[in-house]
Amino acid sequence: MTHLRLHQPEDEDDSTSPGSLRLHGGCAFVVYPSYCASYFDTDGLVSALKKTRAGRFRFWEDFAGGGVLELIDAESDGERWRPATGNYRWCSVERIDGLNCGNRAGEDLASYVAYALPDFPPPIAVKMGLADRPPKKPTIGVSAEHIDGLSGERFCLVVPRQVSKVCKHQNSAIDWFGALGIKAKKCPLSGQLTSGIAGWYDRSLDKMLVYQLSGGEENAAWQLAATSYVATHWWTKWRGLESVHLLADIQGKPVFRPNWTNPMYR
């Protein structure tokens, strides 16, 4: 996706309601996706961090390999991701697809969450039979969206592709969230959620799924990282997913998805 920034009136509103999720709290989060878990040495990563960042990191290892790393008191932009990559010797980092066209708070949030991606074998090595073909990268957008009036509640909106007849692995997703300490419960798309996403889609909302979420860190960046892990893992099981969105009352009011359909970016 093209990285673009859209200035909105919300850019100037940093108000926070009592039930708002913190934006990131100065902590950075790195998602090690399950689809390329075999390329990561997360045990080695954790061992190294115990020596260099003792007491300043946490790692949530998931059931499918990979996981989510938290870097407490993250460094400035230029040095932020070095501890998560072994000074870029083990892997590199990449912006999460879906965190484009954000307002000011959105851009701030996007700079504290990233995917870790290993260095896959070059195509010529695969063609010559010297290396296995690397896994296909998921094509799914993931974002965190502020919605007024949620009063401390959090939701996950799951959007299948238009051609998909039914969203598969609905119940499995509950277990995938649970492995990261998040309780997920299916609920209807109605009330405040329906009005909150008004104008996002020019099609029926009938096939979309909603999960009410609870548990995990009270931090929008952590919740977004966990949601991104689940979303990419879900895509590897079923490629009918289009996008997944964390919906909550978030500090600074970050938004991304409403801008995806802005005519100036078509």
Protein backbone atom coordinates (compact mmCIF):
# COMPACT_ATOMS: atom_id res chain seq x y z
CA MET A 1 0.00 0.00 0.00
CA THR A 2 1.17 3.54 -0.69
CA HIS A 3 2.12 5.47 2.44
CA LEU A 4 0.14 8.71 2.53
CA ARG A 5 -0.87 11.08 5.29
CA LEU A 6 -4.20 12.84 5.50
CA HIS A 7 -4.59 15.82 7.84
CA GLN A 8 -7.96 15.84 9.54
CA PRO A 9 -9.63 17.96 12.23
CA GLU A 10 -8.99 15.10 14.67
CA ASP A 11 -5.27 15.91 14.31
CA GLU A 12 -5.76 18.85 16.64
CA ASP A 13 -7.83 16.97 19.26
CA ASP A 14 -5.68 15.19 21.83
CA SER A 15 -8.46 14.88 24.40
CA THR A 16 -8.70 11.62 26.28
CA SER A 17 -11.80 10.16 27.91
CA PRO A 18 -11.48 8.18 31.17
CA GLY A 19 -11.89 4.81 29.42
CA SER A 20 -9.46 5.50 26.56
CA LEU A 21 -6.70 3.06 25.69
CA ARG A 22 -3.20 4.51 25.93
CA LEU A 23 -1.76 5.06 22.47
CA HIS A 24 1.61 3.33 23.05
CA GLY A 25 3.11 4.63 26.29
CA GLY A 26 6.55 4.92 24.70
CA CYS A 27 6.73 1.14 24.17
CA ALA A 28 7.37 -0.36 20.73
CA PHE A 29 5.90 -3.68 19.58
CA VAL A 30 7.22 -6.11 17.00
CA VAL A 31 5.09 -8.88 15.49
CA TYR A 32 6.93 -12.06 14.48
CA PRO A 33 4.29 -13.60 12.18
CA SER A 34 3.50 -17.30 12.34
CA TYR A 35 3.78 -17.77 8.56
CA CYS A 36 7.55 -17.27 8.70
CA ALA A 37 8.16 -18.56 12.24
CA SER A 38 10.56 -21.26 11.02
CA TYR A 39 12.94 -18.52 9.86
CA PHE A 40 13.10 -16.88 13.31
CA ASP A 41 15.21 -17.87 16.29
CA THR A 42 13.00 -16.37 18.96
CA ASP A 43 14.76 -18.32 21.73
CA GLY A 44 18.04 -16.75 20.65
CA LEU A 45 16.36 -13.35 20.46
CA VAL A 46 15.02 -13.62 24.02
CA SER A 47 18.40 -14.82 25.32
CA ALA A 48 20.16 -11.86 23.72
CA LEU A 49 17.60 -9.39 25.08
CA LYS A 50 18.03 -10.77 28.60
CA LYS A 51 21.64 -9.62 28.38
CA THR A 52 21.09 -6.26 26.73
CA ARG A 53 17.60 -5.18 27.89
CA ALA A 54 16.98 -7.04 31.14
CA GLY A 55 13.71 -5.79 32.63
CA ARG A 56 13.00 -3.68 29.55
CA PHE A 57 11.26 -6.17 27.27
CA ARG A 58 8.53 -8.78 27.25
CA PHE A 59 7.84 -11.51 24.72
CA TRP A 60 4.51 -13.27 24.13
CA GLU A 61 5.19 -16.55 22.34
CA ASP A 62 2.18 -17.88 20.49
CA PHE A 63 1.02 -21.44 19.78
CA ALA A 64 2.05 -21.31 16.09
CA GLY A 65 5.57 -19.97 16.53
CA GLY A 66 6.60 -16.35 16.40
CA GLY A 67 4.86 -13.98 18.78
CA VAL A 68 4.86 -10.37 19.95
CA LEU A 69 7.82 -8.51 21.44
CA GLU A 70 7.44 -5.42 23.60
CA LEU A 71 10.39 -3.02 23.88
CA ILE A 72 9.82 -0.94 27.01
CA ASP A 73 11.05 2.66 26.85
CA ALA A 74 11.77 2.32 23.15
CA GLU A 75 14.59 4.31 21.58
CA SER A 76 14.25 7.14 19.10
CA ASP A 77 13.10 6.43 15.55
CA GLY A 78 16.52 5.63 14.15
CA GLU A 79 17.41 3.06 16.80
CA ARG A 80 13.96 1.81 17.78
CA TRP A 81 13.99 -1.57 16.04
CA ARG A 82 17.62 -2.61 16.50
CA PRO A 83 17.02 -4.71 19.64
CA ALA A 84 14.27 -6.64 17.85
CA THR A 85 16.40 -7.48 14.82
CA GLY A 86 19.86 -8.25 16.20
CA ASN A 87 21.11 -5.00 14.65
CA TYR A 88 19.33 -6.10 11.46
CA ARG A 89 21.41 -9.29 11.22
CA TRP A 90 18.49 -11.62 12.07
CA CYS A 91 15.65 -9.84 10.31
CA SER A 92 14.32 -6.46 9.26
CA VAL A 93 11.13 -4.62 10.15
CA GLU A 94 8.28 -3.47 7.94
CA ARG A 95 5.30 -1.20 8.43
CA ILE A 96 2.01 -3.00 8.98
CA ASP A 97 -0.22 -2.98 5.90
CA GLY A 98 -3.30 -0.95 6.76
CA LEU A 99 -1.53 1.74 8.79
CA ASN A 100 -1.58 4.19 5.90
CA CYS A 101 -3.48 7.45 5.45
CA GLY A 102 -3.45 8.04 9.21
CA ASN A 103 -4.08 11.28 11.04
CA ARG A 104 -1.44 12.62 13.45
CA ALA A 105 -2.22 10.16 16.24
CA GLY A 106 -2.43 7.38 13.66
CA GLU A 107 1.03 8.14 12.32
CA ASP A 108 2.37 8.20 15.88
CA LEU A 109 0.79 4.80 16.60
CA ALA A 110 2.05 3.33 13.31
CA SER A 111 5.64 4.26 14.21
CA TYR A 112 5.52 2.04 17.32
CA VAL A 113 4.23 -1.20 15.76
CA ALA A 114 5.93 -3.26 13.03
CA TYR A 115 6.28 -6.69 11.48
CA ALA A 116 9.61 -8.51 11.72
CA LEU A 117 10.50 -10.16 8.44
CA PRO A 118 13.41 -12.56 7.89
CA ASP A 119 15.78 -12.40 4.94
CA PHE A 120 14.28 -15.00 2.62
CA PRO A 121 16.49 -16.87 0.14
CA PRO A 122 17.02 -15.05 -3.18
CA PRO A 123 14.80 -16.22 -6.07
CA ILE A 124 17.77 -17.64 -7.96
CA ALA A 125 18.58 -19.97 -5.05
CA VAL A 126 14.98 -21.21 -5.03
CA LYS A 127 14.99 -21.66 -8.82
CA MET A 128 18.19 -23.72 -8.67
CA GLY A 129 16.79 -25.92 -5.92
CA LEU A 130 19.27 -24.63 -3.34
CA ALA A 131 16.58 -23.30 -1.01
CA ASP A 132 12.92 -23.82 -0.25
CA ARG A 133 10.39 -21.41 -1.69
CA PRO A 134 9.57 -18.79 0.98
CA PRO A 135 6.00 -18.51 2.27
CA LYS A 136 3.60 -16.13 0.59
CA LYS A 137 3.24 -12.82 2.37
CA PRO A 138 -0.32 -12.17 3.61
CA THR A 139 -2.22 -9.49 1.73
CA ILE A 140 -4.45 -8.20 4.50
CA GLY A 141 -4.92 -4.73 5.95
CA VAL A 142 -4.87 -4.32 9.73
CA SER A 143 -5.53 -1.11 11.63
CA ALA A 144 -6.62 0.39 14.94
CA GLU A 145 -9.50 2.84 14.76
CA HIS A 146 -10.82 5.27 17.34
CA ILE A 147 -14.60 5.28 17.71
CA ASP A 148 -16.30 7.68 20.10
CA GLY A 149 -18.57 6.39 22.83
CA LEU A 150 -17.21 2.87 23.33
CA SER A 151 -16.57 3.61 27.03
CA GLY A 152 -13.61 1.29 27.52
CA GLU A 153 -14.97 -1.52 25.34
CA ARG A 154 -12.84 -3.00 22.56
CA PHE A 155 -13.90 -4.83 19.41
CA CYS A 156 -12.34 -6.55 16.44
CA LEU A 157 -14.05 -6.07 13.06
CA VAL A 158 -13.27 -8.84 10.56
CA VAL A 159 -13.98 -8.01 6.91
CA PRO A 160 -14.00 -10.85 4.34
CA ARG A 161 -13.47 -10.22 0.65
CA GLN A 162 -16.62 -9.43 -1.29
CA VAL A 163 -16.44 -12.72 -3.20
CA SER A 164 -16.23 -14.79 0.01
CA LYS A 165 -19.42 -16.64 0.87
CA VAL A 166 -18.74 -17.23 4.56
CA CYS A 167 -15.90 -16.33 6.91
CA LYS A 168 -14.04 -19.50 7.87
CA HIS A 169 -12.28 -20.30 11.18
CA GLN A 170 -14.56 -18.02 13.18
CA ASN A 171 -14.30 -20.13 16.32
CA SER A 172 -10.59 -20.85 15.89
CA ALA A 173 -9.94 -17.11 16.05
CA ILE A 174 -11.21 -17.12 19.62
CA ASP A 175 -8.46 -19.58 20.55
CA TRP A 176 -5.84 -17.61 18.63
CA PHE A 177 -6.66 -14.46 20.57
CA GLY A 178 -6.75 -16.49 23.77
CA ALA A 179 -3.17 -17.69 23.24
CA LEU A 180 -2.09 -14.05 23.57
CA GLY A 181 -4.16 -13.46 26.69
CA ILE A 182 -7.15 -11.83 24.99
CA LYS A 183 -10.67 -13.10 25.55
CA ALA A 184 -12.71 -12.82 22.33
CA LYS A 185 -16.48 -13.28 22.09
CA LYS A 186 -18.55 -13.01 18.93
CA CYS A 187 -21.20 -10.30 19.03
CA PRO A 188 -23.52 -8.54 16.57
CA LEU A 189 -22.50 -5.51 14.52
CA SER A 190 -24.97 -2.96 15.85
CA GLY A 191 -25.47 0.26 17.77
CA GLN A 192 -22.38 2.40 18.32
CA LEU A 193 -20.24 0.15 16.11
CA THR A 194 -22.57 0.49 13.13
CA SER A 195 -22.62 4.28 13.38
CA GLY A 196 -18.87 4.33 14.03
CA ILE A 197 -18.04 2.64 10.72
CA ALA A 198 -20.71 4.43 8.71
CA GLY A 199 -19.29 5.44 5.34
CA TRP A 200 -16.44 2.93 5.39
CA TYR A 201 -18.15 0.53 2.99
CA ASP A 202 -20.47 0.78 0.01
CA ARG A 203 -21.63 -2.82 0.40
CA SER A 204 -23.61 -4.94 2.81
CA LEU A 205 -22.17 -5.46 6.28
CA ASP A 206 -23.90 -8.83 6.67
CA LYS A 207 -20.80 -10.99 6.12
CA MET A 208 -18.61 -9.02 8.52
CA LEU A 209 -17.78 -10.43 11.93
CA VAL A 210 -17.34 -8.68 15.25
CA TYR A 211 -15.60 -9.95 18.36
CA GLN A 212 -15.75 -8.18 21.69
CA LEU A 213 -12.26 -8.24 23.22
CA SER A 214 -11.03 -8.07 26.80
CA GLY A 215 -7.73 -8.73 28.53
CA GLY A 216 -4.16 -8.14 27.46
CA GLU A 217 -2.26 -4.89 27.84
CA GLU A 218 -4.22 -1.65 28.21
CA ASN A 219 -2.29 -0.20 25.33
CA ALA A 220 -3.54 0.37 21.78
CA ALA A 221 -0.16 -0.49 20.24
CA TRP A 222 -0.04 -3.84 22.05
CA GLN A 223 -3.65 -4.62 21.15
CA LEU A 224 -2.91 -3.73 17.53
CA ALA A 225 0.20 -5.95 17.50
CA ALA A 226 -1.77 -8.90 18.91
CA THR A 227 -4.59 -8.31 16.42
CA SER A 228 -2.04 -8.18 13.58
CA TYR A 229 -0.57 -11.51 14.68
CA VAL A 230 -4.00 -13.15 14.70
CA ALA A 231 -4.98 -11.55 11.38
CA THR A 232 -1.91 -12.76 9.48
CA HIS A 233 -2.19 -16.23 11.00
CA TRP A 234 -5.87 -16.35 10.03
CA TRP A 235 -4.96 -15.36 6.45
CA THR A 236 -2.56 -18.32 6.18
CA LYS A 237 -5.48 -20.61 7.02
CA TRP A 238 -8.00 -18.86 4.78
CA ARG A 239 -7.19 -16.26 2.14
CA GLY A 240 -10.68 -14.85 2.02
CA LEU A 241 -9.87 -12.08 4.50
CA GLU A 242 -9.69 -8.48 3.30
CA SER A 243 -8.98 -6.57 6.50
CA VAL A 244 -9.16 -6.69 10.29
CA HIS A 245 -9.66 -3.64 12.53
CA LEU A 246 -9.26 -3.01 16.24
CA LEU A 247 -12.06 -0.64 17.31
CA ALA A 248 -11.82 1.24 20.61
CA ASP A 249 -11.81 4.62 22.32
CA ILE A 250 -8.11 5.41 21.88
CA GLN A 251 -5.97 8.25 23.21
CA GLY A 252 -5.45 10.90 20.54
CA LYS A 253 -8.22 9.46 18.34
CA PRO A 254 -6.13 7.68 15.65
CA VAL A 255 -7.92 6.80 12.41
CA PHE A 256 -6.82 5.06 9.21
CA ARG A 257 -9.70 3.14 7.61
CA PRO A 258 -12.04 6.12 6.96
CA ASN A 259 -9.31 7.64 4.78
CA TRP A 260 -8.79 4.56 2.60
CA THR A 261 -11.83 5.51 0.55
CA ASN A 262 -11.11 9.25 0.36
CA PRO A 263 -11.35 10.26 -3.34
CA MET A 264 -8.01 12.09 -3.22
CA TYR A 265 -6.24 8.74 -2.69
CA ARG A 266 -8.08 6.68 -5.32
